[in-house]
Amino acid sequence: MTEPVVSLVYHQRRVGLVLWHPTALNVLLTAGSDNQVVIWNVGTGDALVEIDCHPDIVYSACFNWDGSKLLTTCKDKKIRIINPRTGEVETEAIAHEGSKATRAIFLRHGLVFTTGFSKMSERQYSLRTPDCLDTPIVMVELDTSNGVMFPLYDPDANLVYLCGKGDSVIRYFEITAEPPFVHYINTFQTPDPQRGIGMMPKRGCDVTSCEIARFYRLNNSGLCQVITMTVPRKSELFQEDLYPDTIGDTPASTADEWMAGQDAEPILISLKDGYRPPESKSSSFSSRSRSNVLDKMPPKGGKASSGGGQSSPVSEKTLQEFADEIRKLKAMIVKHENRIRALEAEAALNKAQQQQQVISATAQDEDGAGGGDGLNAQPQHMAADEV
């Protein structure tokens, strides 16, 4: 992954947010530190919409269920619902009065869930309706920790997981239509704090073990920890109440159709037999104004198709240079191997000579010591009468 398929050039400062559209093909949102939000057609590399209604850094962005609305949070403490096709702000309100970062997401049925801080730096979450953003249905204070909370949403089970940077816990809640609307379920706790966390789509979960969520959690040690959420069930049959039809990976519309005003809900798939990726990933969608650059990607094997007549992505000159370099490296390796063998033989010979010298010196020492030990001396006879 060293060469980009397409380069999207617009932002003057660092891009801190990237978000795919939930239903339209090749529609991507980016937000940068220049306070600009841009919606792209990645297939052509064109900027479809430029949104400049934010006076400060954009903290988060989220599309609604069919991608017809855009929800953003900003450093000016406001949350905004924007028409993503025109960039017009439909409604805005103060989310949380604290000065730290806020986050907001759209729920499946249109409600808005936010996280932030109070004036006293207490962490909060709230539930709101798009029509009355300034009047939350629920506003709850959690604790006084200083980590920004990131809400992760499961639209199938209507569960919200709250994960904070620097926290060692994951709290999860169920959103219902009955008071108090946001029901606390449980807390997952580990001894290590987390630096970041991501959630796998539901189609990646193991339905045979009743797994309803899987998280990839980055610890301070730099290791990625896999966390699975399972529902204890004795039966090994498919649990239809746990796995309603979920969002698949097939787009419901093209970028042109979406820009023309067509809203389409995500295409749902069943997980009864587990997730099966489509047989062919090639898309029949293409842009009407410009060709789709994503359709020109070479095959994964790196070989051009025989019928297309397209040239190899690597030139013959480059391949020849690689071959010459490999040949030189092989010759150098052979030379070094011969030199190593000669040095090893010389070292073995020197070692043998040294051992022979040690043996000879030891033998001479033994012979010299034998002349004075009395073994070869003539015995002296003592007369018995001299005693």
Foldseek 3Di string as FASTA:
>chain_A
DPDDLADQDDDPAAWDDKDDQQFAPQWIWIFGQVQKIFIDNQQFSDTQEIARPAPGGWDDWEAAQQRQWIWTAGQVQKIFIAGVLYNHTPDMERQEPDRDDKDWYAAHVQKIKMWDAHPLQFIWIFIGHPVCNHDTLDIDTDGNDNFYWDWDADNLQQKIWIATQFAQKIWMWHADPDPVRTGTDDMDGDPFGFHDKDWDFQLPDDQQQQWQTWMWTQTPVRDTDIDTDHDDDPDRAGDCSSWPWGADDHHPYYPVCVSVPDTDGGDTDGCRVGDDDDPDPDDPDADPPDGGSVNVDADPVQDHDPVVPDDGPDDPVVVVVVVVVVVVVVVVVVVVVVVVVVVVVVVVVVVVVVVVVVVVVVVVVVVVVVVPPPPPDDDDDDDPVVD
